[in-house]
Amino acid sequence: RPADICVYFGEAYGQGRGPAQAIGEQERNRY
């Protein structure tokens, strides 16, 4: 089974609101 992991794939993906951000791209998280 896939494990839920606390890794950043973009803010939208992390909150279940959209696809993963491109590999290596940066942005500010919600905090």
mmCIF file of all heavy atoms, coordinates in Angstrom:
data_MODEL
# 
_entry.id   MODEL 
# 
loop_
_atom_site.group_PDB 
_atom_site.id 
_atom_site.type_symbol 
_atom_site.label_atom_id 
_atom_site.label_alt_id 
_atom_site.label_comp_id 
_atom_site.label_asym_id 
_atom_site.label_entity_id 
_atom_site.label_seq_id 
_atom_site.pdbx_PDB_ins_code 
_atom_site.Cartn_x 
_atom_site.Cartn_y 
_atom_site.Cartn_z 
_atom_site.occupancy 
_atom_site.B_iso_or_equiv 
_atom_site.pdbx_formal_charge 
_atom_site.auth_seq_id 
_atom_site.auth_comp_id 
_atom_site.auth_asym_id 
_atom_site.auth_atom_id 
_atom_site.pdbx_PDB_model_num 
ATOM 1   N N   . ARG A 1 1  ? 0.846  -1.193 0.000   1.00 0.00 ? 1  ARG A N   1 
ATOM 2   C CA  . ARG A 1 1  ? 0.000  0.000  0.000   1.00 0.00 ? 1  ARG A CA  1 
ATOM 3   C C   . ARG A 1 1  ? 0.882  1.243  0.000   1.00 0.00 ? 1  ARG A C   1 
ATOM 4   O O   . ARG A 1 1  ? 1.916  1.267  0.670   1.00 0.00 ? 1  ARG A O   1 
ATOM 5   C CB  . ARG A 1 1  ? -0.902 0.026  1.233   1.00 0.00 ? 1  ARG A CB  1 
ATOM 6   C CG  . ARG A 1 1  ? -1.893 -1.128 1.321   1.00 0.00 ? 1  ARG A CG  1 
ATOM 7   C CD  . ARG A 1 1  ? -2.734 -1.026 2.585   1.00 0.00 ? 1  ARG A CD  1 
ATOM 8   N NE  . ARG A 1 1  ? -3.772 -2.038 2.649   1.00 0.00 ? 1  ARG A NE  1 
ATOM 9   C CZ  . ARG A 1 1  ? -3.617 -3.238 3.202   1.00 0.00 ? 1  ARG A CZ  1 
ATOM 10  N NH1 . ARG A 1 1  ? -2.438 -3.571 3.733   1.00 0.00 ? 1  ARG A NH1 1 
ATOM 11  N NH2 . ARG A 1 1  ? -4.605 -4.112 3.222   1.00 0.00 ? 1  ARG A NH2 1 
ATOM 12  N N   . PRO A 1 2  ? 0.470  2.290  -0.714  1.00 0.00 ? 2  PRO A N   1 
ATOM 13  C CA  . PRO A 1 2  ? 1.258  3.534  -0.682  1.00 0.00 ? 2  PRO A CA  1 
ATOM 14  C C   . PRO A 1 2  ? 1.219  4.165  0.696   1.00 0.00 ? 2  PRO A C   1 
ATOM 15  O O   . PRO A 1 2  ? 0.178  4.195  1.354   1.00 0.00 ? 2  PRO A O   1 
ATOM 16  C CB  . PRO A 1 2  ? 0.568  4.417  -1.726  1.00 0.00 ? 2  PRO A CB  1 
ATOM 17  C CG  . PRO A 1 2  ? -0.822 3.858  -1.850  1.00 0.00 ? 2  PRO A CG  1 
ATOM 18  C CD  . PRO A 1 2  ? -0.702 2.391  -1.585  1.00 0.00 ? 2  PRO A CD  1 
ATOM 19  N N   . ALA A 1 3  ? 2.366  4.642  1.149   1.00 0.00 ? 3  ALA A N   1 
ATOM 20  C CA  . ALA A 1 3  ? 2.452  5.283  2.468   1.00 0.00 ? 3  ALA A CA  1 
ATOM 21  C C   . ALA A 1 3  ? 2.179  6.778  2.336   1.00 0.00 ? 3  ALA A C   1 
ATOM 22  O O   . ALA A 1 3  ? 2.607  7.418  1.370   1.00 0.00 ? 3  ALA A O   1 
ATOM 23  C CB  . ALA A 1 3  ? 3.838  5.056  3.064   1.00 0.00 ? 3  ALA A CB  1 
ATOM 24  N N   . ASP A 1 4  ? 1.457  7.330  3.291   1.00 0.00 ? 4  ASP A N   1 
ATOM 25  C CA  . ASP A 1 4  ? 1.314  8.782  3.373   1.00 0.00 ? 4  ASP A CA  1 
ATOM 26  C C   . ASP A 1 4  ? 2.608  9.342  3.951   1.00 0.00 ? 4  ASP A C   1 
ATOM 27  O O   . ASP A 1 4  ? 3.038  8.928  5.045   1.00 0.00 ? 4  ASP A O   1 
ATOM 28  C CB  . ASP A 1 4  ? 0.138  9.159  4.274   1.00 0.00 ? 4  ASP A CB  1 
ATOM 29  C CG  . ASP A 1 4  ? -1.200 8.861  3.626   1.00 0.00 ? 4  ASP A CG  1 
ATOM 30  O OD1 . ASP A 1 4  ? -1.266 8.862  2.390   1.00 0.00 ? 4  ASP A OD1 1 
ATOM 31  O OD2 . ASP A 1 4  ? -2.172 8.615  4.362   1.00 0.00 ? 4  ASP A OD2 1 
ATOM 32  N N   . ILE A 1 5  ? 3.231  10.245 3.223   1.00 0.00 ? 5  ILE A N   1 
ATOM 33  C CA  . ILE A 1 5  ? 4.514  10.788 3.660   1.00 0.00 ? 5  ILE A CA  1 
ATOM 34  C C   . ILE A 1 5  ? 4.460  12.311 3.732   1.00 0.00 ? 5  ILE A C   1 
ATOM 35  O O   . ILE A 1 5  ? 3.799  12.969 2.930   1.00 0.00 ? 5  ILE A O   1 
ATOM 36  C CB  . ILE A 1 5  ? 5.676  10.327 2.746   1.00 0.00 ? 5  ILE A CB  1 
ATOM 37  C CG1 . ILE A 1 5  ? 5.425  10.709 1.286   1.00 0.00 ? 5  ILE A CG1 1 
ATOM 38  C CG2 . ILE A 1 5  ? 5.885  8.825  2.883   1.00 0.00 ? 5  ILE A CG2 1 
ATOM 39  C CD1 . ILE A 1 5  ? 6.582  10.382 0.360   1.00 0.00 ? 5  ILE A CD1 1 
ATOM 40  N N   . CYS A 1 6  ? 5.176  12.867 4.692   1.00 0.00 ? 6  CYS A N   1 
ATOM 41  C CA  . CYS A 1 6  ? 5.200  14.313 4.925   1.00 0.00 ? 6  CYS A CA  1 
ATOM 42  C C   . CYS A 1 6  ? 6.310  14.950 4.090   1.00 0.00 ? 6  CYS A C   1 
ATOM 43  O O   . CYS A 1 6  ? 7.328  15.414 4.613   1.00 0.00 ? 6  CYS A O   1 
ATOM 44  C CB  . CYS A 1 6  ? 5.393  14.596 6.415   1.00 0.00 ? 6  CYS A CB  1 
ATOM 45  S SG  . CYS A 1 6  ? 4.178  13.776 7.465   1.00 0.00 ? 6  CYS A SG  1 
ATOM 46  N N   . VAL A 1 7  ? 6.113  14.925 2.793   1.00 0.00 ? 7  VAL A N   1 
ATOM 47  C CA  . VAL A 1 7  ? 7.064  15.453 1.826   1.00 0.00 ? 7  VAL A CA  1 
ATOM 48  C C   . VAL A 1 7  ? 6.343  16.485 0.976   1.00 0.00 ? 7  VAL A C   1 
ATOM 49  O O   . VAL A 1 7  ? 5.165  16.321 0.645   1.00 0.00 ? 7  VAL A O   1 
ATOM 50  C CB  . VAL A 1 7  ? 7.648  14.321 0.952   1.00 0.00 ? 7  VAL A CB  1 
ATOM 51  C CG1 . VAL A 1 7  ? 8.497  14.881 -0.177  1.00 0.00 ? 7  VAL A CG1 1 
ATOM 52  C CG2 . VAL A 1 7  ? 8.481  13.378 1.812   1.00 0.00 ? 7  VAL A CG2 1 
ATOM 53  N N   . TYR A 1 8  ? 7.061  17.526 0.603   1.00 0.00 ? 8  TYR A N   1 
ATOM 54  C CA  . TYR A 1 8  ? 6.453  18.634 -0.131  1.00 0.00 ? 8  TYR A CA  1 
ATOM 55  C C   . TYR A 1 8  ? 6.463  18.373 -1.630  1.00 0.00 ? 8  TYR A C   1 
ATOM 56  O O   . TYR A 1 8  ? 7.522  18.262 -2.265  1.00 0.00 ? 8  TYR A O   1 
ATOM 57  C CB  . TYR A 1 8  ? 7.213  19.931 0.167   1.00 0.00 ? 8  TYR A CB  1 
ATOM 58  C CG  . TYR A 1 8  ? 6.449  21.187 -0.181  1.00 0.00 ? 8  TYR A CG  1 
ATOM 59  C CD1 . TYR A 1 8  ? 5.386  21.618 0.610   1.00 0.00 ? 8  TYR A CD1 1 
ATOM 60  C CD2 . TYR A 1 8  ? 6.791  21.943 -1.290  1.00 0.00 ? 8  TYR A CD2 1 
ATOM 61  C CE1 . TYR A 1 8  ? 4.680  22.772 0.314   1.00 0.00 ? 8  TYR A CE1 1 
ATOM 62  C CE2 . TYR A 1 8  ? 6.088  23.104 -1.609  1.00 0.00 ? 8  TYR A CE2 1 
ATOM 63  C CZ  . TYR A 1 8  ? 5.037  23.509 -0.798  1.00 0.00 ? 8  TYR A CZ  1 
ATOM 64  O OH  . TYR A 1 8  ? 4.344  24.657 -1.095  1.00 0.00 ? 8  TYR A OH  1 
ATOM 65  N N   . PHE A 1 9  ? 5.266  18.256 -2.195  1.00 0.00 ? 9  PHE A N   1 
ATOM 66  C CA  . PHE A 1 9  ? 5.082  18.148 -3.638  1.00 0.00 ? 9  PHE A CA  1 
ATOM 67  C C   . PHE A 1 9  ? 4.266  19.337 -4.150  1.00 0.00 ? 9  PHE A C   1 
ATOM 68  O O   . PHE A 1 9  ? 3.591  19.243 -5.175  1.00 0.00 ? 9  PHE A O   1 
ATOM 69  C CB  . PHE A 1 9  ? 4.372  16.840 -3.994  1.00 0.00 ? 9  PHE A CB  1 
ATOM 70  C CG  . PHE A 1 9  ? 5.132  15.606 -3.604  1.00 0.00 ? 9  PHE A CG  1 
ATOM 71  C CD1 . PHE A 1 9  ? 4.761  14.868 -2.483  1.00 0.00 ? 9  PHE A CD1 1 
ATOM 72  C CD2 . PHE A 1 9  ? 6.217  15.169 -4.352  1.00 0.00 ? 9  PHE A CD2 1 
ATOM 73  C CE1 . PHE A 1 9  ? 5.459  13.720 -2.121  1.00 0.00 ? 9  PHE A CE1 1 
ATOM 74  C CE2 . PHE A 1 9  ? 6.920  14.018 -3.994  1.00 0.00 ? 9  PHE A CE2 1 
ATOM 75  C CZ  . PHE A 1 9  ? 6.540  13.290 -2.879  1.00 0.00 ? 9  PHE A CZ  1 
ATOM 76  N N   . GLY A 1 10 ? 4.340  20.438 -3.420  1.00 0.00 ? 10 GLY A N   1 
ATOM 77  C CA  . GLY A 1 10 ? 3.553  21.615 -3.743  1.00 0.00 ? 10 GLY A CA  1 
ATOM 78  C C   . GLY A 1 10 ? 2.396  21.762 -2.774  1.00 0.00 ? 10 GLY A C   1 
ATOM 79  O O   . GLY A 1 10 ? 1.849  20.774 -2.272  1.00 0.00 ? 10 GLY A O   1 
ATOM 80  N N   . GLU A 1 11 ? 2.017  23.006 -2.501  1.00 0.00 ? 11 GLU A N   1 
ATOM 81  C CA  . GLU A 1 11 ? 0.967  23.274 -1.520  1.00 0.00 ? 11 GLU A CA  1 
ATOM 82  C C   . GLU A 1 11 ? -0.377 22.690 -1.947  1.00 0.00 ? 11 GLU A C   1 
ATOM 83  O O   . GLU A 1 11 ? -1.101 22.112 -1.137  1.00 0.00 ? 11 GLU A O   1 
ATOM 84  C CB  . GLU A 1 11 ? 0.838  24.788 -1.307  1.00 0.00 ? 11 GLU A CB  1 
ATOM 85  C CG  . GLU A 1 11 ? 0.000  25.178 -0.112  1.00 0.00 ? 11 GLU A CG  1 
ATOM 86  C CD  . GLU A 1 11 ? 0.599  24.709 1.203   1.00 0.00 ? 11 GLU A CD  1 
ATOM 87  O OE1 . GLU A 1 11 ? 1.829  24.604 1.310   1.00 0.00 ? 11 GLU A OE1 1 
ATOM 88  O OE2 . GLU A 1 11 ? -0.181 24.449 2.139   1.00 0.00 ? 11 GLU A OE2 1 
ATOM 89  N N   . ALA A 1 12 ? -0.715 22.818 -3.218  1.00 0.00 ? 12 ALA A N   1 
ATOM 90  C CA  . ALA A 1 12 ? -2.005 22.323 -3.688  1.00 0.00 ? 12 ALA A CA  1 
ATOM 91  C C   . ALA A 1 12 ? -2.116 20.808 -3.534  1.00 0.00 ? 12 ALA A C   1 
ATOM 92  O O   . ALA A 1 12 ? -3.133 20.293 -3.057  1.00 0.00 ? 12 ALA A O   1 
ATOM 93  C CB  . ALA A 1 12 ? -2.230 22.724 -5.145  1.00 0.00 ? 12 ALA A CB  1 
ATOM 94  N N   . TYR A 1 13 ? -1.052 20.084 -3.905  1.00 0.00 ? 13 TYR A N   1 
ATOM 95  C CA  . TYR A 1 13 ? -1.085 18.625 -3.777  1.00 0.00 ? 13 TYR A CA  1 
ATOM 96  C C   . TYR A 1 13 ? -1.142 18.214 -2.312  1.00 0.00 ? 13 TYR A C   1 
ATOM 97  O O   . TYR A 1 13 ? -1.886 17.306 -1.931  1.00 0.00 ? 13 TYR A O   1 
ATOM 98  C CB  . TYR A 1 13 ? 0.133  17.996 -4.452  1.00 0.00 ? 13 TYR A CB  1 
ATOM 99  C CG  . TYR A 1 13 ? 0.114  16.479 -4.387  1.00 0.00 ? 13 TYR A CG  1 
ATOM 100 C CD1 . TYR A 1 13 ? -0.643 15.749 -5.286  1.00 0.00 ? 13 TYR A CD1 1 
ATOM 101 C CD2 . TYR A 1 13 ? 0.839  15.794 -3.417  1.00 0.00 ? 13 TYR A CD2 1 
ATOM 102 C CE1 . TYR A 1 13 ? -0.686 14.362 -5.226  1.00 0.00 ? 13 TYR A CE1 1 
ATOM 103 C CE2 . TYR A 1 13 ? 0.804  14.415 -3.342  1.00 0.00 ? 13 TYR A CE2 1 
ATOM 104 C CZ  . TYR A 1 13 ? 0.036  13.697 -4.248  1.00 0.00 ? 13 TYR A CZ  1 
ATOM 105 O OH  . TYR A 1 13 ? -0.010 12.317 -4.170  1.00 0.00 ? 13 TYR A OH  1 
ATOM 106 N N   . GLY A 1 14 ? -0.354 18.887 -1.462  1.00 0.00 ? 14 GLY A N   1 
ATOM 107 C CA  . GLY A 1 14 ? -0.320 18.541 -0.048  1.00 0.00 ? 14 GLY A CA  1 
ATOM 108 C C   . GLY A 1 14 ? -1.660 18.677 0.638   1.00 0.00 ? 14 GLY A C   1 
ATOM 109 O O   . GLY A 1 14 ? -1.966 17.933 1.578   1.00 0.00 ? 14 GLY A O   1 
ATOM 110 N N   . GLN A 1 15 ? -2.486 19.596 0.168   1.00 0.00 ? 15 GLN A N   1 
ATOM 111 C CA  . GLN A 1 15 ? -3.800 19.803 0.767   1.00 0.00 ? 15 GLN A CA  1 
ATOM 112 C C   . GLN A 1 15 ? -4.923 19.158 -0.039  1.00 0.00 ? 15 GLN A C   1 
ATOM 113 O O   . GLN A 1 15 ? -6.104 19.387 0.240   1.00 0.00 ? 15 GLN A O   1 
ATOM 114 C CB  . GLN A 1 15 ? -4.062 21.309 0.920   1.00 0.00 ? 15 GLN A CB  1 
ATOM 115 C CG  . GLN A 1 15 ? -3.050 22.023 1.780   1.00 0.00 ? 15 GLN A CG  1 
ATOM 116 C CD  . GLN A 1 15 ? -2.840 21.342 3.122   1.00 0.00 ? 15 GLN A CD  1 
ATOM 117 O OE1 . GLN A 1 15 ? -3.805 20.988 3.803   1.00 0.00 ? 15 GLN A OE1 1 
ATOM 118 N NE2 . GLN A 1 15 ? -1.576 21.144 3.506   1.00 0.00 ? 15 GLN A NE2 1 
ATOM 119 N N   . GLY A 1 16 ? -4.553 18.353 -1.048  1.00 0.00 ? 16 GLY A N   1 
ATOM 120 C CA  . GLY A 1 16 ? -5.558 17.646 -1.828  1.00 0.00 ? 16 GLY A CA  1 
ATOM 121 C C   . GLY A 1 16 ? -6.380 18.551 -2.719  1.00 0.00 ? 16 GLY A C   1 
ATOM 122 O O   . GLY A 1 16 ? -7.520 18.233 -3.076  1.00 0.00 ? 16 GLY A O   1 
ATOM 123 N N   . ARG A 1 17 ? -5.792 19.682 -3.121  1.00 0.00 ? 17 ARG A N   1 
ATOM 124 C CA  . ARG A 1 17 ? -6.527 20.657 -3.923  1.00 0.00 ? 17 ARG A CA  1 
ATOM 125 C C   . ARG A 1 17 ? -6.076 20.708 -5.381  1.00 0.00 ? 17 ARG A C   1 
ATOM 126 O O   . ARG A 1 17 ? -6.618 21.489 -6.167  1.00 0.00 ? 17 ARG A O   1 
ATOM 127 C CB  . ARG A 1 17 ? -6.390 22.054 -3.310  1.00 0.00 ? 17 ARG A CB  1 
ATOM 128 C CG  . ARG A 1 17 ? -7.023 22.212 -1.944  1.00 0.00 ? 17 ARG A CG  1 
ATOM 129 C CD  . ARG A 1 17 ? -6.999 23.670 -1.487  1.00 0.00 ? 17 ARG A CD  1 
ATOM 130 N NE  . ARG A 1 17 ? -5.676 24.084 -0.999  1.00 0.00 ? 17 ARG A NE  1 
ATOM 131 C CZ  . ARG A 1 17 ? -4.825 24.816 -1.690  1.00 0.00 ? 17 ARG A CZ  1 
ATOM 132 N NH1 . ARG A 1 17 ? -5.110 25.210 -2.917  1.00 0.00 ? 17 ARG A NH1 1 
ATOM 133 N NH2 . ARG A 1 17 ? -3.641 25.166 -1.172  1.00 0.00 ? 17 ARG A NH2 1 
ATOM 134 N N   . GLY A 1 18 ? -5.100 19.925 -5.763  1.00 0.00 ? 18 GLY A N   1 
ATOM 135 C CA  . GLY A 1 18 ? -4.616 20.007 -7.132  1.00 0.00 ? 18 GLY A CA  1 
ATOM 136 C C   . GLY A 1 18 ? -3.462 19.067 -7.375  1.00 0.00 ? 18 GLY A C   1 
ATOM 137 O O   . GLY A 1 18 ? -3.038 18.317 -6.481  1.00 0.00 ? 18 GLY A O   1 
ATOM 138 N N   . PRO A 1 19 ? -2.899 19.100 -8.593  1.00 0.00 ? 19 PRO A N   1 
ATOM 139 C CA  . PRO A 1 19 ? -1.787 18.207 -8.937  1.00 0.00 ? 19 PRO A CA  1 
ATOM 140 C C   . PRO A 1 19 ? -0.488 18.631 -8.268  1.00 0.00 ? 19 PRO A C   1 
ATOM 141 O O   . PRO A 1 19 ? -0.381 19.742 -7.726  1.00 0.00 ? 19 PRO A O   1 
ATOM 142 C CB  . PRO A 1 19 ? -1.691 18.354 -10.461 1.00 0.00 ? 19 PRO A CB  1 
ATOM 143 C CG  . PRO A 1 19 ? -2.219 19.729 -10.737 1.00 0.00 ? 19 PRO A CG  1 
ATOM 144 C CD  . PRO A 1 19 ? -3.302 19.962 -9.716  1.00 0.00 ? 19 PRO A CD  1 
ATOM 145 N N   . ALA A 1 20 ? 0.485  17.756 -8.328  1.00 0.00 ? 20 ALA A N   1 
ATOM 146 C CA  . ALA A 1 20 ? 1.799  18.043 -7.752  1.00 0.00 ? 20 ALA A CA  1 
ATOM 147 C C   . ALA A 1 20 ? 2.501  19.148 -8.528  1.00 0.00 ? 20 ALA A C   1 
ATOM 148 O O   . ALA A 1 20 ? 2.342  19.274 -9.752  1.00 0.00 ? 20 ALA A O   1 
ATOM 149 C CB  . ALA A 1 20 ? 2.658  16.789 -7.742  1.00 0.00 ? 20 ALA A CB  1 
ATOM 150 N N   . GLN A 1 21 ? 3.273  19.936 -7.804  1.00 0.00 ? 21 GLN A N   1 
ATOM 151 C CA  . GLN A 1 21 ? 4.076  20.973 -8.434  1.00 0.00 ? 21 GLN A CA  1 
ATOM 152 C C   . GLN A 1 21 ? 5.261  20.316 -9.155  1.00 0.00 ? 21 GLN A C   1 
ATOM 153 O O   . GLN A 1 21 ? 5.709  19.227 -8.782  1.00 0.00 ? 21 GLN A O   1 
ATOM 154 C CB  . GLN A 1 21 ? 4.581  21.930 -7.362  1.00 0.00 ? 21 GLN A CB  1 
ATOM 155 C CG  . GLN A 1 21 ? 5.262  23.182 -7.889  1.00 0.00 ? 21 GLN A CG  1 
ATOM 156 C CD  . GLN A 1 21 ? 5.707  24.077 -6.752  1.00 0.00 ? 21 GLN A CD  1 
ATOM 157 O OE1 . GLN A 1 21 ? 6.103  23.591 -5.694  1.00 0.00 ? 21 GLN A OE1 1 
ATOM 158 N NE2 . GLN A 1 21 ? 5.655  25.377 -6.951  1.00 0.00 ? 21 GLN A NE2 1 
ATOM 159 N N   . ALA A 1 22 ? 5.772  20.958 -10.180 1.00 0.00 ? 22 ALA A N   1 
ATOM 160 C CA  . ALA A 1 22 ? 6.900  20.417 -10.923 1.00 0.00 ? 22 ALA A CA  1 
ATOM 161 C C   . ALA A 1 22 ? 8.085  20.150 -10.001 1.00 0.00 ? 22 ALA A C   1 
ATOM 162 O O   . ALA A 1 22 ? 8.341  20.913 -9.054  1.00 0.00 ? 22 ALA A O   1 
ATOM 163 C CB  . ALA A 1 22 ? 7.306  21.381 -12.038 1.00 0.00 ? 22 ALA A CB  1 
ATOM 164 N N   . ILE A 1 23 ? 8.799  19.078 -10.262 1.00 0.00 ? 23 ILE A N   1 
ATOM 165 C CA  . ILE A 1 23 ? 9.954  18.690 -9.459  1.00 0.00 ? 23 ILE A CA  1 
ATOM 166 C C   . ILE A 1 23 ? 10.972 19.839 -9.405  1.00 0.00 ? 23 ILE A C   1 
ATOM 167 O O   . ILE A 1 23 ? 11.341 20.404 -10.432 1.00 0.00 ? 23 ILE A O   1 
ATOM 168 C CB  . ILE A 1 23 ? 10.608 17.422 -10.031 1.00 0.00 ? 23 ILE A CB  1 
ATOM 169 C CG1 . ILE A 1 23 ? 9.674  16.217 -9.823  1.00 0.00 ? 23 ILE A CG1 1 
ATOM 170 C CG2 . ILE A 1 23 ? 11.968 17.148 -9.398  1.00 0.00 ? 23 ILE A CG2 1 
ATOM 171 C CD1 . ILE A 1 23 ? 10.138 14.962 -10.498 1.00 0.00 ? 23 ILE A CD1 1 
ATOM 172 N N   . GLY A 1 24 ? 11.401 20.172 -8.197  1.00 0.00 ? 24 GLY A N   1 
ATOM 173 C CA  . GLY A 1 24 ? 12.435 21.182 -8.016  1.00 0.00 ? 24 GLY A CA  1 
ATOM 174 C C   . GLY A 1 24 ? 11.942 22.614 -7.975  1.00 0.00 ? 24 GLY A C   1 
ATOM 175 O O   . GLY A 1 24 ? 12.729 23.529 -7.681  1.00 0.00 ? 24 GLY A O   1 
ATOM 176 N N   . GLU A 1 25 ? 10.649 22.853 -8.228  1.00 0.00 ? 25 GLU A N   1 
ATOM 177 C CA  . GLU A 1 25 ? 10.106 24.218 -8.179  1.00 0.00 ? 25 GLU A CA  1 
ATOM 178 C C   . GLU A 1 25 ? 9.901  24.638 -6.724  1.00 0.00 ? 25 GLU A C   1 
ATOM 179 O O   . GLU A 1 25 ? 9.607  23.813 -5.859  1.00 0.00 ? 25 GLU A O   1 
ATOM 180 C CB  . GLU A 1 25 ? 8.789  24.309 -8.942  1.00 0.00 ? 25 GLU A CB  1 
ATOM 181 C CG  . GLU A 1 25 ? 8.925  24.092 -10.436 1.00 0.00 ? 25 GLU A CG  1 
ATOM 182 C CD  . GLU A 1 25 ? 9.721  25.189 -11.114 1.00 0.00 ? 25 GLU A CD  1 
ATOM 183 O OE1 . GLU A 1 25 ? 9.528  26.373 -10.761 1.00 0.00 ? 25 GLU A OE1 1 
ATOM 184 O OE2 . GLU A 1 25 ? 10.562 24.866 -11.980 1.00 0.00 ? 25 GLU A OE2 1 
ATOM 185 N N   . GLN A 1 26 ? 10.040 25.936 -6.473  1.00 0.00 ? 26 GLN A N   1 
ATOM 186 C CA  . GLN A 1 26 ? 9.903  26.453 -5.103  1.00 0.00 ? 26 GLN A CA  1 
ATOM 187 C C   . GLN A 1 26 ? 8.676  27.346 -4.968  1.00 0.00 ? 26 GLN A C   1 
ATOM 188 O O   . GLN A 1 26 ? 8.237  27.982 -5.923  1.00 0.00 ? 26 GLN A O   1 
ATOM 189 C CB  . GLN A 1 26 ? 11.155 27.244 -4.701  1.00 0.00 ? 26 GLN A CB  1 
ATOM 190 C CG  . GLN A 1 26 ? 12.403 26.398 -4.556  1.00 0.00 ? 26 GLN A CG  1 
ATOM 191 C CD  . GLN A 1 26 ? 13.572 27.184 -4.002  1.00 0.00 ? 26 GLN A CD  1 
ATOM 192 O OE1 . GLN A 1 26 ? 13.637 28.399 -4.152  1.00 0.00 ? 26 GLN A OE1 1 
ATOM 193 N NE2 . GLN A 1 26 ? 14.501 26.494 -3.369  1.00 0.00 ? 26 GLN A NE2 1 
ATOM 194 N N   . GLU A 1 27 ? 8.144  27.376 -3.748  1.00 0.00 ? 27 GLU A N   1 
ATOM 195 C CA  . GLU A 1 27 ? 7.060  28.290 -3.398  1.00 0.00 ? 27 GLU A CA  1 
ATOM 196 C C   . GLU A 1 27 ? 6.986  28.387 -1.881  1.00 0.00 ? 27 GLU A C   1 
ATOM 197 O O   . GLU A 1 27 ? 7.603  27.591 -1.156  1.00 0.00 ? 27 GLU A O   1 
ATOM 198 C CB  . GLU A 1 27 ? 5.729  27.815 -3.964  1.00 0.00 ? 27 GLU A CB  1 
ATOM 199 C CG  . GLU A 1 27 ? 5.225  26.516 -3.353  1.00 0.00 ? 27 GLU A CG  1 
ATOM 200 C CD  . GLU A 1 27 ? 3.856  26.099 -3.893  1.00 0.00 ? 27 GLU A CD  1 
ATOM 201 O OE1 . GLU A 1 27 ? 3.258  26.864 -4.667  1.00 0.00 ? 27 GLU A OE1 1 
ATOM 202 O OE2 . GLU A 1 27 ? 3.407  24.996 -3.522  1.00 0.00 ? 27 GLU A OE2 1 
ATOM 203 N N   . ARG A 1 28 ? 6.251  29.359 -1.396  1.00 0.00 ? 28 ARG A N   1 
ATOM 204 C CA  . ARG A 1 28 ? 6.030  29.473 0.048   1.00 0.00 ? 28 ARG A CA  1 
ATOM 205 C C   . ARG A 1 28 ? 4.877  28.566 0.450   1.00 0.00 ? 28 ARG A C   1 
ATOM 206 O O   . ARG A 1 28 ? 3.846  28.520 -0.231  1.00 0.00 ? 28 ARG A O   1 
ATOM 207 C CB  . ARG A 1 28 ? 5.707  30.922 0.420   1.00 0.00 ? 28 ARG A CB  1 
ATOM 208 C CG  . ARG A 1 28 ? 6.854  31.893 0.174   1.00 0.00 ? 28 ARG A CG  1 
ATOM 209 C CD  . ARG A 1 28 ? 6.412  33.321 0.364   1.00 0.00 ? 28 ARG A CD  1 
ATOM 210 N NE  . ARG A 1 28 ? 6.238  33.648 1.771   1.00 0.00 ? 28 ARG A NE  1 
ATOM 211 C CZ  . ARG A 1 28 ? 5.701  34.795 2.211   1.00 0.00 ? 28 ARG A CZ  1 
ATOM 212 N NH1 . ARG A 1 28 ? 5.274  35.694 1.338   1.00 0.00 ? 28 ARG A NH1 1 
ATOM 213 N NH2 . ARG A 1 28 ? 5.584  35.027 3.507   1.00 0.00 ? 28 ARG A NH2 1 
ATOM 214 N N   . ASN A 1 29 ? 5.066  27.840 1.540   1.00 0.00 ? 29 ASN A N   1 
ATOM 215 C CA  . ASN A 1 29 ? 3.958  27.034 2.040   1.00 0.00 ? 29 ASN A CA  1 
ATOM 216 C C   . ASN A 1 29 ? 2.950  27.940 2.758   1.00 0.00 ? 29 ASN A C   1 
ATOM 217 O O   . ASN A 1 29 ? 3.158  29.146 2.879   1.00 0.00 ? 29 ASN A O   1 
ATOM 218 C CB  . ASN A 1 29 ? 4.461  25.879 2.923   1.00 0.00 ? 29 ASN A CB  1 
ATOM 219 C CG  . ASN A 1 29 ? 5.071  26.355 4.243   1.00 0.00 ? 29 ASN A CG  1 
ATOM 220 O OD1 . ASN A 1 29 ? 4.820  27.463 4.732   1.00 0.00 ? 29 ASN A OD1 1 
ATOM 221 N ND2 . ASN A 1 29 ? 5.901  25.503 4.839   1.00 0.00 ? 29 ASN A ND2 1 
ATOM 222 N N   . ARG A 1 30 ? 1.881  27.375 3.231   1.00 0.00 ? 30 ARG A N   1 
ATOM 223 C CA  . ARG A 1 30 ? 0.808  28.209 3.785   1.00 0.00 ? 30 ARG A CA  1 
ATOM 224 C C   . ARG A 1 30 ? 1.178  28.886 5.094   1.00 0.00 ? 30 ARG A C   1 
ATOM 225 O O   . ARG A 1 30 ? 0.441  29.744 5.579   1.00 0.00 ? 30 ARG A O   1 
ATOM 226 C CB  . ARG A 1 30 ? -0.462 27.386 3.954   1.00 0.00 ? 30 ARG A CB  1 
ATOM 227 C CG  . ARG A 1 30 ? -0.328 26.144 4.838   1.00 0.00 ? 30 ARG A CG  1 
ATOM 228 C CD  . ARG A 1 30 ? -1.684 25.493 4.980   1.00 0.00 ? 30 ARG A CD  1 
ATOM 229 N NE  . ARG A 1 30 ? -1.595 24.139 5.470   1.00 0.00 ? 30 ARG A NE  1 
ATOM 230 C CZ  . ARG A 1 30 ? -2.641 23.475 5.957   1.00 0.00 ? 30 ARG A CZ  1 
ATOM 231 N NH1 . ARG A 1 30 ? -3.827 24.046 5.998   1.00 0.00 ? 30 ARG A NH1 1 
ATOM 232 N NH2 . ARG A 1 30 ? -2.502 22.234 6.378   1.00 0.00 ? 30 ARG A NH2 1 
ATOM 233 N N   . TYR A 1 31 ? 2.333  28.506 5.675   1.00 0.00 ? 31 TYR A N   1 
ATOM 234 C CA  . TYR A 1 31 ? 2.775  29.147 6.909   1.00 0.00 ? 31 TYR A CA  1 
ATOM 235 C C   . TYR A 1 31 ? 3.855  30.198 6.647   1.00 0.00 ? 31 TYR A C   1 
ATOM 236 O O   . TYR A 1 31 ? 4.314  30.850 7.576   1.00 0.00 ? 31 TYR A O   1 
ATOM 237 C CB  . TYR A 1 31 ? 3.265  28.091 7.896   1.00 0.00 ? 31 TYR A CB  1 
ATOM 238 C CG  . TYR A 1 31 ? 2.231  27.007 8.101   1.00 0.00 ? 31 TYR A CG  1 
ATOM 239 C CD1 . TYR A 1 31 ? 2.461  25.692 7.701   1.00 0.00 ? 31 TYR A CD1 1 
ATOM 240 C CD2 . TYR A 1 31 ? 0.982  27.317 8.639   1.00 0.00 ? 31 TYR A CD2 1 
ATOM 241 C CE1 . TYR A 1 31 ? 1.497  24.714 7.846   1.00 0.00 ? 31 TYR A CE1 1 
ATOM 242 C CE2 . TYR A 1 31 ? 0.003  26.343 8.791   1.00 0.00 ? 31 TYR A CE2 1 
ATOM 243 C CZ  . TYR A 1 31 ? 0.268  25.052 8.386   1.00 0.00 ? 31 TYR A CZ  1 
ATOM 244 O OH  . TYR A 1 31 ? -0.715 24.095 8.517   1.00 0.00 ? 31 TYR A OH  1 
# 
